[in-house]
Amino acid sequence: MSNYTVYGMSSSGNCYKVRLLLEQLTIPYRWIEIDTRSGATRSSEFLARNPNGRVPLLELAREQYLAESDAILFYLAEGTAFWPQDRRERAEVLQWMFFEQYSHEPFIAVARFICAFLPAQDPRRSELPRLHERGAQALAVMERHLQRRSFLVAERYSIADIALYAYTHAAGEGGFDLAAYPAIGAWLRRVEAQPRYVRMPSAPTPPA
C-alpha cells in the first residue's frame, strides 16, 4: 500500500501526467488540489515542501518530496513496463522527455495557458504568434516520427508517451489545429485506448 500524496492542479498537463501514470499503475494515492493561480504554491508552508513553488509535487513519505513532473514519472515507472529495460531505449525515452520540456511544453503549454486561463484582453496574447510558430515546429517533429511508429519509443507505450500526450492532446485549447497532424491524431487515440486511461479536465473558461 502506497502512502503517496500528490499536490497538483487537475487542469495542469504537468500534474495530469502524474495522475495518469499512477492510475495506470494502479498505485493508490491521495490528491490534494492546488490552484496555482491563488498563490498557494508561494506560501511558506508549500515552499518548505518545494522551494521552487510549483506543482506537481509528490510526497513520498513524511517530509520527503519529489518535484518536476518528468522526474516523478521516472521515479514511479522504475521497474515497470512503462520504463524500458534496454539501455538505448531508456535513453530514447529520456530524449523525448527532454524534448517535451525544452521544445514542446514551453510553447504549447504556454499558449494554452494564455488562451484558456487569461482574460481575452490580456497583453500576453501578443506572445501567441511566436508560441504558435514554435509549437507547430515541435508538433511537426512528432508528426514525422509518428508517421512510422505506433508509440514514441520501441513500439511500446512508455512514460515518453505520457509526458508528450499531456499537453499535445490539449493543444487545441491553445489555438493549435491538431487536424493538421493525422499521425499525432492516431497516436492520441492509441494512448487513449490504453488500460486504465483517465481524462484530463478541460481548462476552465477564461475570465472576460
N, C-alpha and C. Protein backbone atom coordinates (compact mmCIF):
# COMPACT_ATOMS: atom_id res chain seq x y z
N MET A 1 0.85 -1.20 0.00
CA MET A 1 0.00 0.00 0.00
C MET A 1 0.88 1.25 0.00
N SER A 2 0.64 2.12 -0.97
CA SER A 2 1.44 3.34 -1.08
C SER A 2 0.91 4.43 -0.16
N ASN A 3 1.81 5.26 0.29
CA ASN A 3 1.42 6.43 1.07
C ASN A 3 1.62 7.71 0.27
N TYR A 4 1.66 7.61 -1.05
CA TYR A 4 1.91 8.78 -1.88
C TYR A 4 0.81 9.82 -1.73
N THR A 5 1.23 11.07 -1.70
CA THR A 5 0.32 12.20 -1.80
C THR A 5 0.81 13.07 -2.95
N VAL A 6 -0.11 13.48 -3.81
CA VAL A 6 0.22 14.36 -4.92
C VAL A 6 -0.43 15.71 -4.69
N TYR A 7 0.38 16.76 -4.72
CA TYR A 7 -0.12 18.12 -4.72
C TYR A 7 -0.15 18.56 -6.18
N GLY A 8 -1.36 18.84 -6.68
CA GLY A 8 -1.45 19.15 -8.10
C GLY A 8 -2.69 19.94 -8.44
N MET A 9 -2.67 20.50 -9.63
CA MET A 9 -3.81 21.22 -10.19
C MET A 9 -4.36 20.37 -11.33
N SER A 10 -5.59 19.95 -11.21
CA SER A 10 -6.14 18.93 -12.12
C SER A 10 -6.10 19.33 -13.59
N SER A 11 -6.25 20.61 -13.89
CA SER A 11 -6.28 21.05 -15.28
C SER A 11 -4.89 21.35 -15.83
N SER A 12 -3.85 21.10 -15.04
CA SER A 12 -2.47 21.27 -15.49
C SER A 12 -1.99 19.99 -16.18
N GLY A 13 -1.43 20.14 -17.37
CA GLY A 13 -0.91 18.97 -18.05
C GLY A 13 0.23 18.31 -17.30
N ASN A 14 1.10 19.09 -16.69
CA ASN A 14 2.21 18.51 -15.94
C ASN A 14 1.71 17.69 -14.75
N CYS A 15 0.67 18.15 -14.11
CA CYS A 15 0.10 17.39 -12.99
C CYS A 15 -0.66 16.17 -13.50
N TYR A 16 -1.32 16.33 -14.63
CA TYR A 16 -2.07 15.22 -15.21
C TYR A 16 -1.18 14.04 -15.56
N LYS A 17 0.04 14.32 -16.03
CA LYS A 17 0.98 13.23 -16.34
C LYS A 17 1.11 12.29 -15.14
N VAL A 18 1.29 12.87 -13.97
CA VAL A 18 1.50 12.08 -12.76
C VAL A 18 0.24 11.28 -12.43
N ARG A 19 -0.91 11.93 -12.51
CA ARG A 19 -2.17 11.23 -12.22
C ARG A 19 -2.37 10.07 -13.18
N LEU A 20 -2.13 10.30 -14.47
CA LEU A 20 -2.35 9.25 -15.47
C LEU A 20 -1.47 8.04 -15.18
N LEU A 21 -0.19 8.25 -14.89
CA LEU A 21 0.68 7.11 -14.62
C LEU A 21 0.29 6.40 -13.34
N LEU A 22 -0.03 7.11 -12.30
CA LEU A 22 -0.47 6.47 -11.06
C LEU A 22 -1.71 5.61 -11.29
N GLU A 23 -2.65 6.14 -12.06
CA GLU A 23 -3.86 5.37 -12.36
C GLU A 23 -3.54 4.13 -13.16
N GLN A 24 -2.65 4.27 -14.15
CA GLN A 24 -2.35 3.13 -15.00
C GLN A 24 -1.50 2.08 -14.28
N LEU A 25 -0.77 2.50 -13.27
CA LEU A 25 -0.02 1.56 -12.44
C LEU A 25 -0.86 1.00 -11.30
N THR A 26 -2.08 1.49 -11.15
CA THR A 26 -2.99 1.13 -10.05
C THR A 26 -2.33 1.32 -8.69
N ILE A 27 -1.59 2.41 -8.55
CA ILE A 27 -0.96 2.75 -7.28
C ILE A 27 -1.91 3.67 -6.51
N PRO A 28 -2.29 3.32 -5.29
CA PRO A 28 -3.16 4.21 -4.53
C PRO A 28 -2.43 5.49 -4.14
N TYR A 29 -3.15 6.58 -4.13
CA TYR A 29 -2.55 7.87 -3.79
C TYR A 29 -3.63 8.81 -3.30
N ARG A 30 -3.18 9.86 -2.64
CA ARG A 30 -4.09 10.93 -2.21
C ARG A 30 -3.77 12.16 -3.05
N TRP A 31 -4.80 12.82 -3.54
CA TRP A 31 -4.62 14.02 -4.38
C TRP A 31 -5.06 15.24 -3.59
N ILE A 32 -4.19 16.22 -3.49
CA ILE A 32 -4.53 17.49 -2.85
C ILE A 32 -4.54 18.56 -3.93
N GLU A 33 -5.72 19.08 -4.21
CA GLU A 33 -5.88 20.07 -5.28
C GLU A 33 -5.28 21.41 -4.86
N ILE A 34 -4.42 21.93 -5.73
CA ILE A 34 -3.76 23.22 -5.50
C ILE A 34 -4.03 24.10 -6.72
N ASP A 35 -4.70 25.21 -6.53
CA ASP A 35 -4.91 26.16 -7.63
C ASP A 35 -3.73 27.11 -7.63
N THR A 36 -2.85 26.96 -8.60
CA THR A 36 -1.64 27.77 -8.62
C THR A 36 -1.94 29.26 -8.80
N ARG A 37 -3.11 29.57 -9.33
CA ARG A 37 -3.48 30.98 -9.54
C ARG A 37 -3.80 31.69 -8.23
N SER A 38 -4.03 30.92 -7.18
CA SER A 38 -4.42 31.51 -5.88
C SER A 38 -3.23 31.97 -5.06
N GLY A 39 -2.03 31.62 -5.51
CA GLY A 39 -0.83 31.94 -4.73
C GLY A 39 -0.48 30.89 -3.70
N ALA A 40 -1.22 29.77 -3.69
CA ALA A 40 -0.99 28.75 -2.67
C ALA A 40 0.41 28.15 -2.75
N THR A 41 0.98 28.09 -3.95
CA THR A 41 2.30 27.48 -4.07
C THR A 41 3.42 28.42 -3.63
N ARG A 42 3.06 29.67 -3.31
CA ARG A 42 4.07 30.63 -2.82
C ARG A 42 3.98 30.81 -1.31
N SER A 43 3.13 30.05 -0.66
CA SER A 43 3.02 30.16 0.80
C SER A 43 4.26 29.55 1.44
N SER A 44 4.56 29.99 2.63
CA SER A 44 5.74 29.46 3.33
C SER A 44 5.59 27.96 3.57
N GLU A 45 4.36 27.52 3.81
CA GLU A 45 4.13 26.10 4.06
C GLU A 45 4.47 25.27 2.82
N PHE A 46 4.00 25.74 1.65
CA PHE A 46 4.28 24.98 0.43
C PHE A 46 5.75 25.09 0.05
N LEU A 47 6.35 26.26 0.19
CA LEU A 47 7.75 26.44 -0.18
C LEU A 47 8.68 25.60 0.68
N ALA A 48 8.24 25.26 1.88
CA ALA A 48 9.03 24.35 2.71
C ALA A 48 9.06 22.95 2.10
N ARG A 49 8.04 22.62 1.32
CA ARG A 49 7.99 21.31 0.65
C ARG A 49 8.73 21.37 -0.69
N ASN A 50 8.50 22.44 -1.44
CA ASN A 50 9.16 22.62 -2.73
C ASN A 50 9.58 24.07 -2.87
N PRO A 51 10.86 24.37 -2.66
CA PRO A 51 11.32 25.76 -2.73
C PRO A 51 11.09 26.42 -4.08
N ASN A 52 10.88 25.62 -5.13
CA ASN A 52 10.61 26.18 -6.45
C ASN A 52 9.16 26.63 -6.59
N GLY A 53 8.31 26.27 -5.63
CA GLY A 53 6.94 26.76 -5.61
C GLY A 53 6.10 26.33 -6.78
N ARG A 54 6.21 25.06 -7.17
CA ARG A 54 5.45 24.57 -8.32
C ARG A 54 4.82 23.22 -8.02
N VAL A 55 3.78 22.92 -8.80
CA VAL A 55 3.20 21.59 -8.79
C VAL A 55 3.41 21.00 -10.18
N PRO A 56 3.43 19.67 -10.30
CA PRO A 56 3.10 18.68 -9.27
C PRO A 56 4.24 18.49 -8.28
N LEU A 57 3.84 18.01 -7.13
CA LEU A 57 4.79 17.66 -6.09
C LEU A 57 4.34 16.33 -5.50
N LEU A 58 5.25 15.37 -5.47
CA LEU A 58 4.93 14.04 -4.95
C LEU A 58 5.54 13.90 -3.56
N GLU A 59 4.68 13.61 -2.59
CA GLU A 59 5.15 13.33 -1.24
C GLU A 59 5.37 11.83 -1.13
N LEU A 60 6.62 11.43 -0.96
CA LEU A 60 6.99 10.03 -0.91
C LEU A 60 6.75 9.44 0.46
N ALA A 61 7.06 10.21 1.47
CA ALA A 61 6.90 9.83 2.88
C ALA A 61 6.94 11.13 3.67
N ARG A 62 6.80 11.04 4.93
CA ARG A 62 6.78 12.24 5.75
C ARG A 62 8.07 13.06 5.53
N GLU A 63 7.89 14.31 5.08
CA GLU A 63 8.97 15.26 4.84
C GLU A 63 9.94 14.79 3.75
N GLN A 64 9.46 13.95 2.84
CA GLN A 64 10.24 13.54 1.67
C GLN A 64 9.43 13.85 0.42
N TYR A 65 9.95 14.74 -0.41
CA TYR A 65 9.20 15.23 -1.55
C TYR A 65 10.02 15.13 -2.83
N LEU A 66 9.31 14.97 -3.95
CA LEU A 66 9.95 14.94 -5.26
C LEU A 66 9.16 15.86 -6.18
N ALA A 67 9.87 16.80 -6.78
CA ALA A 67 9.24 17.77 -7.69
C ALA A 67 9.64 17.46 -9.14
N GLU A 68 9.06 18.22 -10.06
CA GLU A 68 9.27 18.15 -11.50
C GLU A 68 8.56 16.92 -12.07
N SER A 69 7.62 17.18 -12.97
CA SER A 69 6.73 16.13 -13.45
C SER A 69 7.47 14.95 -14.08
N ASP A 70 8.46 15.22 -14.91
CA ASP A 70 9.12 14.12 -15.59
C ASP A 70 10.01 13.32 -14.64
N ALA A 71 10.59 13.98 -13.64
CA ALA A 71 11.34 13.25 -12.62
C ALA A 71 10.41 12.32 -11.84
N ILE A 72 9.20 12.79 -11.57
CA ILE A 72 8.22 11.96 -10.87
C ILE A 72 7.83 10.76 -11.73
N LEU A 73 7.62 10.99 -13.03
CA LEU A 73 7.30 9.88 -13.93
C LEU A 73 8.41 8.83 -13.90
N PHE A 74 9.64 9.28 -13.99
CA PHE A 74 10.76 8.34 -13.97
C PHE A 74 10.79 7.55 -12.66
N TYR A 75 10.58 8.22 -11.55
CA TYR A 75 10.60 7.55 -10.24
C TYR A 75 9.51 6.48 -10.16
N LEU A 76 8.31 6.83 -10.59
CA LEU A 76 7.19 5.90 -10.48
C LEU A 76 7.30 4.74 -11.47
N ALA A 77 7.92 5.00 -12.64
CA ALA A 77 7.97 3.98 -13.69
C ALA A 77 9.09 2.97 -13.49
N GLU A 78 10.06 3.28 -12.66
CA GLU A 78 11.19 2.37 -12.45
C GLU A 78 10.70 0.97 -12.10
N GLY A 79 11.21 -0.02 -12.86
CA GLY A 79 10.83 -1.41 -12.60
C GLY A 79 9.50 -1.82 -13.18
N THR A 80 8.88 -0.98 -14.01
CA THR A 80 7.59 -1.29 -14.61
C THR A 80 7.72 -1.34 -16.13
N ALA A 81 6.66 -1.74 -16.80
CA ALA A 81 6.66 -1.81 -18.27
C ALA A 81 6.70 -0.43 -18.92
N PHE A 82 6.49 0.62 -18.13
CA PHE A 82 6.49 1.98 -18.68
C PHE A 82 7.92 2.52 -18.87
N TRP A 83 8.91 1.80 -18.36
CA TRP A 83 10.32 2.21 -18.44
C TRP A 83 11.10 1.04 -19.04
N PRO A 84 11.66 1.19 -20.25
CA PRO A 84 12.29 0.05 -20.92
C PRO A 84 13.48 -0.51 -20.15
N GLN A 85 13.79 -1.75 -20.44
CA GLN A 85 14.96 -2.40 -19.87
C GLN A 85 16.20 -2.18 -20.72
N ASP A 86 16.01 -2.01 -22.01
CA ASP A 86 17.13 -1.82 -22.93
C ASP A 86 17.77 -0.44 -22.74
N ARG A 87 19.09 -0.41 -22.71
CA ARG A 87 19.81 0.85 -22.44
C ARG A 87 19.50 1.92 -23.48
N ARG A 88 19.56 1.56 -24.74
CA ARG A 88 19.29 2.53 -25.81
C ARG A 88 17.85 3.02 -25.73
N GLU A 89 16.92 2.13 -25.48
CA GLU A 89 15.52 2.53 -25.40
C GLU A 89 15.28 3.47 -24.22
N ARG A 90 15.94 3.22 -23.10
CA ARG A 90 15.81 4.14 -21.96
C ARG A 90 16.30 5.53 -22.33
N ALA A 91 17.42 5.59 -23.05
CA ALA A 91 17.96 6.89 -23.47
C ALA A 91 16.99 7.59 -24.42
N GLU A 92 16.33 6.82 -25.29
CA GLU A 92 15.37 7.43 -26.22
C GLU A 92 14.14 7.96 -25.48
N VAL A 93 13.71 7.25 -24.44
CA VAL A 93 12.61 7.77 -23.62
C VAL A 93 13.01 9.11 -23.01
N LEU A 94 14.21 9.16 -22.46
CA LEU A 94 14.67 10.43 -21.88
C LEU A 94 14.82 11.51 -22.95
N GLN A 95 15.27 11.12 -24.13
CA GLN A 95 15.39 12.09 -25.22
C GLN A 95 14.06 12.77 -25.50
N TRP A 96 12.97 11.99 -25.57
CA TRP A 96 11.66 12.57 -25.83
C TRP A 96 11.15 13.38 -24.64
N MET A 97 11.49 12.97 -23.45
CA MET A 97 11.06 13.73 -22.27
C MET A 97 11.79 15.06 -22.19
N PHE A 98 13.07 15.08 -22.58
CA PHE A 98 13.80 16.35 -22.63
C PHE A 98 13.23 17.23 -23.75
N PHE A 99 12.90 16.63 -24.88
CA PHE A 99 12.26 17.36 -25.97
C PHE A 99 10.97 18.01 -25.48
N GLU A 100 10.19 17.25 -24.73
CA GLU A 100 8.91 17.78 -24.22
C GLU A 100 9.13 19.01 -23.36
N GLN A 101 10.11 18.97 -22.49
CA GLN A 101 10.32 20.06 -21.56
C GLN A 101 10.96 21.29 -22.20
N TYR A 102 11.77 21.10 -23.24
CA TYR A 102 12.52 22.23 -23.81
C TYR A 102 12.00 22.72 -25.15
N SER A 103 11.39 21.84 -25.95
CA SER A 103 10.98 22.23 -27.30
C SER A 103 9.47 22.18 -27.51
N HIS A 104 8.73 21.66 -26.57
CA HIS A 104 7.29 21.43 -26.73
C HIS A 104 6.49 22.19 -25.68
N GLU A 105 6.66 21.85 -24.44
CA GLU A 105 5.87 22.44 -23.34
C GLU A 105 6.00 23.96 -23.25
N PRO A 106 7.21 24.54 -23.44
CA PRO A 106 7.31 26.00 -23.31
C PRO A 106 6.47 26.78 -24.31
N PHE A 107 6.06 26.14 -25.39
CA PHE A 107 5.27 26.82 -26.41
C PHE A 107 3.81 26.35 -26.40
N ILE A 108 3.59 25.05 -26.41
CA ILE A 108 2.22 24.54 -26.48
C ILE A 108 1.49 24.75 -25.16
N ALA A 109 2.15 24.46 -24.05
CA ALA A 109 1.50 24.65 -22.76
C ALA A 109 1.29 26.13 -22.45
N VAL A 110 2.26 26.95 -22.80
CA VAL A 110 2.13 28.38 -22.50
C VAL A 110 1.03 29.01 -23.36
N ALA A 111 0.94 28.60 -24.62
CA ALA A 111 -0.16 29.10 -25.46
C ALA A 111 -1.51 28.69 -24.87
N ARG A 112 -1.61 27.47 -24.38
CA ARG A 112 -2.85 27.02 -23.75
C ARG A 112 -3.15 27.86 -22.50
N PHE A 113 -2.15 28.13 -21.71
CA PHE A 113 -2.36 28.93 -20.51
C PHE A 113 -2.89 30.32 -20.87
N ILE A 114 -2.28 30.94 -21.87
CA ILE A 114 -2.70 32.29 -22.25
C ILE A 114 -4.13 32.28 -22.78
N CYS A 115 -4.44 31.31 -23.63
CA CYS A 115 -5.77 31.26 -24.25
C CYS A 115 -6.85 30.84 -23.27
N ALA A 116 -6.54 29.90 -22.39
CA ALA A 116 -7.57 29.28 -21.57
C ALA A 116 -7.68 29.86 -20.16
N PHE A 117 -6.63 30.48 -19.68
CA PHE A 117 -6.63 30.92 -18.29
C PHE A 117 -6.59 32.44 -18.11
N LEU A 118 -6.24 33.18 -19.17
CA LEU A 118 -6.10 34.62 -19.03
C LEU A 118 -7.25 35.34 -19.76
N PRO A 119 -7.59 36.54 -19.34
CA PRO A 119 -8.66 37.30 -20.00
C PRO A 119 -8.35 37.57 -21.47
N ALA A 120 -9.39 37.76 -22.25
CA ALA A 120 -9.23 37.95 -23.70
C ALA A 120 -8.36 39.15 -24.04
N GLN A 121 -8.35 40.17 -23.18
CA GLN A 121 -7.59 41.39 -23.46
C GLN A 121 -6.22 41.40 -22.77
N ASP A 122 -5.82 40.29 -22.22
CA ASP A 122 -4.54 40.26 -21.52
C ASP A 122 -3.38 40.54 -22.50
N PRO A 123 -2.44 41.39 -22.11
CA PRO A 123 -1.34 41.73 -23.02
C PRO A 123 -0.47 40.54 -23.43
N ARG A 124 -0.52 39.46 -22.68
CA ARG A 124 0.29 38.30 -23.05
C ARG A 124 -0.21 37.64 -24.33
N ARG A 125 -1.38 38.03 -24.79
CA ARG A 125 -1.88 37.50 -26.08
C ARG A 125 -0.92 37.85 -27.22
N SER A 126 -0.14 38.89 -27.04
CA SER A 126 0.82 39.26 -28.09
C SER A 126 1.91 38.21 -28.27
N GLU A 127 2.06 37.32 -27.30
CA GLU A 127 3.06 36.26 -27.41
C GLU A 127 2.61 35.12 -28.31
N LEU A 128 1.31 35.05 -28.60
CA LEU A 128 0.77 33.86 -29.27
C LEU A 128 1.36 33.58 -30.65
N PRO A 129 1.60 34.56 -31.51
CA PRO A 129 2.17 34.21 -32.83
C PRO A 129 3.50 33.44 -32.71
N ARG A 130 4.37 33.90 -31.84
CA ARG A 130 5.65 33.19 -31.67
C ARG A 130 5.43 31.81 -31.06
N LEU A 131 4.55 31.72 -30.07
CA LEU A 131 4.29 30.43 -29.44
C LEU A 131 3.69 29.45 -30.44
N HIS A 132 2.80 29.92 -31.29
CA HIS A 132 2.20 29.06 -32.29
C HIS A 132 3.25 28.60 -33.32
N GLU A 133 4.15 29.48 -33.69
CA GLU A 133 5.19 29.11 -34.64
C GLU A 133 6.10 28.03 -34.06
N ARG A 134 6.57 28.24 -32.85
CA ARG A 134 7.49 27.28 -32.23
C ARG A 134 6.77 25.99 -31.83
N GLY A 135 5.53 26.10 -31.38
CA GLY A 135 4.77 24.91 -31.06
C GLY A 135 4.50 24.06 -32.28
N ALA A 136 4.22 24.70 -33.41
CA ALA A 136 3.99 23.97 -34.66
C ALA A 136 5.25 23.23 -35.08
N GLN A 137 6.40 23.82 -34.83
CA GLN A 137 7.66 23.13 -35.14
C GLN A 137 7.79 21.85 -34.32
N ALA A 138 7.44 21.92 -33.04
CA ALA A 138 7.52 20.73 -32.19
C ALA A 138 6.53 19.66 -32.64
N LEU A 139 5.31 20.08 -32.98
CA LEU A 139 4.32 19.13 -33.46
C LEU A 139 4.76 18.48 -34.77
N ALA A 140 5.43 19.24 -35.61
CA ALA A 140 5.91 18.69 -36.88
C ALA A 140 6.97 17.61 -36.64
N VAL A 141 7.83 17.80 -35.65
CA VAL A 141 8.82 16.78 -35.30
C VAL A 141 8.11 15.50 -34.88
N MET A 142 7.11 15.64 -34.02
CA MET A 142 6.35 14.47 -33.57
C MET A 142 5.61 13.81 -34.72
N GLU A 143 5.01 14.61 -35.58
CA GLU A 143 4.24 14.07 -36.71
C GLU A 143 5.13 13.20 -37.60
N ARG A 144 6.31 13.70 -37.94
CA ARG A 144 7.21 12.93 -38.80
C ARG A 144 7.60 11.61 -38.12
N HIS A 145 7.90 11.67 -36.84
CA HIS A 145 8.32 10.48 -36.11
C HIS A 145 7.18 9.46 -36.04
N LEU A 146 5.98 9.92 -35.77
CA LEU A 146 4.85 9.02 -35.56
C LEU A 146 4.24 8.50 -36.86
N GLN A 147 4.64 9.05 -37.98
CA GLN A 147 4.18 8.51 -39.26
C GLN A 147 4.69 7.08 -39.47
N ARG A 148 5.76 6.72 -38.77
CA ARG A 148 6.37 5.40 -38.96
C ARG A 148 6.29 4.53 -37.71
N ARG A 149 5.62 5.02 -36.66
CA ARG A 149 5.63 4.30 -35.39
C ARG A 149 4.28 4.40 -34.70
N SER A 150 4.00 3.39 -33.86
CA SER A 150 2.78 3.42 -33.07
C SER A 150 2.95 4.26 -31.81
N PHE A 151 4.13 4.16 -31.20
CA PHE A 151 4.44 4.92 -29.99
C PHE A 151 5.82 5.54 -30.17
N LEU A 152 6.21 6.38 -29.26
CA LEU A 152 7.42 7.17 -29.46
C LEU A 152 8.69 6.34 -29.42
N VAL A 153 8.71 5.29 -28.60
CA VAL A 153 9.94 4.50 -28.44
C VAL A 153 9.62 3.01 -28.52
N ALA A 154 10.31 2.31 -29.41
CA ALA A 154 10.33 0.84 -29.44
C ALA A 154 8.94 0.21 -29.57
N GLU A 155 8.01 0.95 -30.19
CA GLU A 155 6.67 0.41 -30.43
C GLU A 155 5.95 -0.02 -29.15
N ARG A 156 6.33 0.61 -28.04
CA ARG A 156 5.67 0.29 -26.76
C ARG A 156 5.32 1.59 -26.04
N TYR A 157 4.16 1.59 -25.44
CA TYR A 157 3.69 2.72 -24.63
C TYR A 157 4.61 2.88 -23.43
N SER A 158 5.06 4.10 -23.20
CA SER A 158 6.01 4.37 -22.12
C SER A 158 5.75 5.74 -21.53
N ILE A 159 6.56 6.11 -20.55
CA ILE A 159 6.42 7.44 -19.96
C ILE A 159 6.77 8.54 -20.95
N ALA A 160 7.46 8.22 -22.03
CA ALA A 160 7.67 9.22 -23.08
C ALA A 160 6.34 9.63 -23.69
N ASP A 161 5.48 8.64 -23.93
CA ASP A 161 4.16 8.93 -24.49
C ASP A 161 3.30 9.71 -23.50
N ILE A 162 3.36 9.34 -22.23
CA ILE A 162 2.59 10.06 -21.21
C ILE A 162 3.06 11.51 -21.13
N ALA A 163 4.37 11.72 -21.13
CA ALA A 163 4.92 13.07 -21.00
C ALA A 163 4.44 13.96 -22.14
N LEU A 164 4.44 13.44 -23.37
CA LEU A 164 4.07 14.27 -24.50
C LEU A 164 2.57 14.30 -24.76
N TYR A 165 1.87 13.27 -24.33
CA TYR A 165 0.42 13.27 -24.52
C TYR A 165 -0.23 14.42 -23.76
N ALA A 166 0.25 14.69 -22.57
CA ALA A 166 -0.46 15.60 -21.65
C ALA A 166 -0.81 16.93 -22.31
N TYR A 167 0.17 17.62 -22.86
CA TYR A 167 -0.13 18.91 -23.46
C TYR A 167 -0.45 18.81 -24.95
N THR A 168 -0.01 17.74 -25.62
CA THR A 168 -0.34 17.61 -27.04
C THR A 168 -1.84 17.45 -27.23
N HIS A 169 -2.48 16.60 -26.43
CA HIS A 169 -3.90 16.35 -26.67
C HIS A 169 -4.74 17.57 -26.33
N ALA A 170 -4.19 18.49 -25.53
CA ALA A 170 -4.90 19.71 -25.16
C ALA A 170 -4.43 20.92 -25.98
N ALA A 171 -3.65 20.68 -27.02
CA ALA A 171 -3.08 21.80 -27.77
C ALA A 171 -4.15 22.66 -28.42
N GLY A 172 -5.29 22.06 -28.75
CA GLY A 172 -6.37 22.85 -29.34
C GLY A 172 -6.84 23.98 -28.44
N GLU A 173 -6.72 23.80 -27.13
CA GLU A 173 -7.11 24.85 -26.19
C GLU A 173 -6.14 26.03 -26.24
N GLY A 174 -5.00 25.83 -26.90
CA GLY A 174 -4.03 26.92 -27.07
C GLY A 174 -4.01 27.47 -28.47
N GLY A 175 -4.96 27.05 -29.30
CA GLY A 175 -5.06 27.59 -30.64
C GLY A 175 -4.37 26.79 -31.73
N PHE A 176 -3.92 25.57 -31.43
CA PHE A 176 -3.29 24.72 -32.43
C PHE A 176 -4.35 23.84 -33.10
N ASP A 177 -4.22 23.65 -34.39
CA ASP A 177 -5.16 22.82 -35.14
C ASP A 177 -4.58 21.42 -35.27
N LEU A 178 -5.01 20.50 -34.43
CA LEU A 178 -4.45 19.15 -34.45
C LEU A 178 -4.90 18.36 -35.67
N ALA A 179 -5.93 18.83 -36.36
CA ALA A 179 -6.36 18.14 -37.59
C ALA A 179 -5.26 18.16 -38.64
N ALA A 180 -4.33 19.07 -38.52
CA ALA A 180 -3.22 19.16 -39.47
C ALA A 180 -2.16 18.10 -39.23
N TYR A 181 -2.33 17.29 -38.18
CA TYR A 181 -1.31 16.31 -37.79
C TYR A 181 -1.97 14.93 -37.64
N PRO A 182 -2.27 14.25 -38.76
CA PRO A 182 -3.01 12.99 -38.66
C PRO A 182 -2.26 11.88 -37.92
N ALA A 183 -0.95 11.82 -38.04
CA ALA A 183 -0.21 10.78 -37.32
C ALA A 183 -0.28 11.02 -35.82
N ILE A 184 -0.21 12.27 -35.41
CA ILE A 184 -0.38 12.60 -34.00
C ILE A 184 -1.78 12.22 -33.55
N GLY A 185 -2.77 12.52 -34.37
CA GLY A 185 -4.15 12.17 -34.01
C GLY A 185 -4.33 10.68 -33.78
N ALA A 186 -3.72 9.87 -34.64
CA ALA A 186 -3.82 8.42 -34.48
C ALA A 186 -3.10 7.97 -33.21
N TRP A 187 -1.96 8.58 -32.93
CA TRP A 187 -1.21 8.27 -31.69
C TRP A 187 -2.02 8.66 -30.46
N LEU A 188 -2.67 9.80 -30.49
CA LEU A 188 -3.51 10.21 -29.35
C LEU A 188 -4.57 9.15 -29.07
N ARG A 189 -5.18 8.64 -30.12
CA ARG A 189 -6.22 7.62 -29.94
C ARG A 189 -5.64 6.33 -29.37
N ARG A 190 -4.41 5.99 -29.76
CA ARG A 190 -3.78 4.79 -29.20
C ARG A 190 -3.48 4.98 -27.71
N VAL A 191 -3.03 6.16 -27.33
CA VAL A 191 -2.80 6.44 -25.91
C VAL A 191 -4.11 6.32 -25.14
N GLU A 192 -5.17 6.89 -25.69
CA GLU A 192 -6.46 6.89 -25.01
C GLU A 192 -7.08 5.50 -24.92
N ALA A 193 -6.59 4.56 -25.73
CA ALA A 193 -7.08 3.18 -25.68
C ALA A 193 -6.32 2.32 -24.67
N GLN A 194 -5.32 2.89 -24.00
CA GLN A 194 -4.54 2.11 -23.05
C GLN A 194 -5.37 1.78 -21.81
N PRO A 195 -5.09 0.65 -21.17
CA PRO A 195 -5.83 0.29 -19.96
C PRO A 195 -5.73 1.35 -18.88
N ARG A 196 -6.85 1.59 -18.22
CA ARG A 196 -6.95 2.50 -17.06
C ARG A 196 -6.61 3.94 -17.43
N TYR A 197 -6.83 4.28 -18.69
CA TYR A 197 -6.67 5.67 -19.11
C TYR A 197 -7.70 6.56 -18.41
N VAL A 198 -7.28 7.72 -17.97
CA VAL A 198 -8.19 8.72 -17.40
C VAL A 198 -8.00 10.04 -18.13
N ARG A 199 -9.07 10.78 -18.25
CA ARG A 199 -9.01 12.05 -18.97
C ARG A 199 -8.53 13.19 -18.07
N MET A 200 -7.97 14.20 -18.70
CA MET A 200 -7.63 15.43 -18.00
C MET A 200 -8.81 16.39 -18.11
N PRO A 201 -9.21 17.04 -17.03
CA PRO A 201 -10.29 18.03 -17.13
C PRO A 201 -9.93 19.13 -18.13
N SER A 202 -10.92 19.63 -18.83
CA SER A 202 -10.69 20.76 -19.74
C SER A 202 -10.27 21.99 -18.95
N ALA A 203 -9.57 22.86 -19.62
CA ALA A 203 -9.19 24.11 -18.99
C ALA A 203 -10.45 24.90 -18.64
N PRO A 204 -10.40 25.68 -17.58
CA PRO A 204 -11.57 26.47 -17.21
C PRO A 204 -11.84 27.56 -18.24
N THR A 205 -13.07 28.02 -18.28
CA THR A 205 -13.42 29.14 -19.16
C THR A 205 -12.66 30.38 -18.72
N PRO A 206 -11.91 31.00 -19.63
CA PRO A 206 -11.13 32.17 -19.22
C PRO A 206 -12.02 33.33 -18.81
N PRO A 207 -11.53 34.17 -17.90
CA PRO A 207 -12.32 35.32 -17.50
C PRO A 207 -12.49 36.29 -18.64
N ALA A 208 -13.54 37.07 -18.57
CA ALA A 208 -13.81 38.03 -19.67
C ALA A 208 -12.78 39.14 -19.66
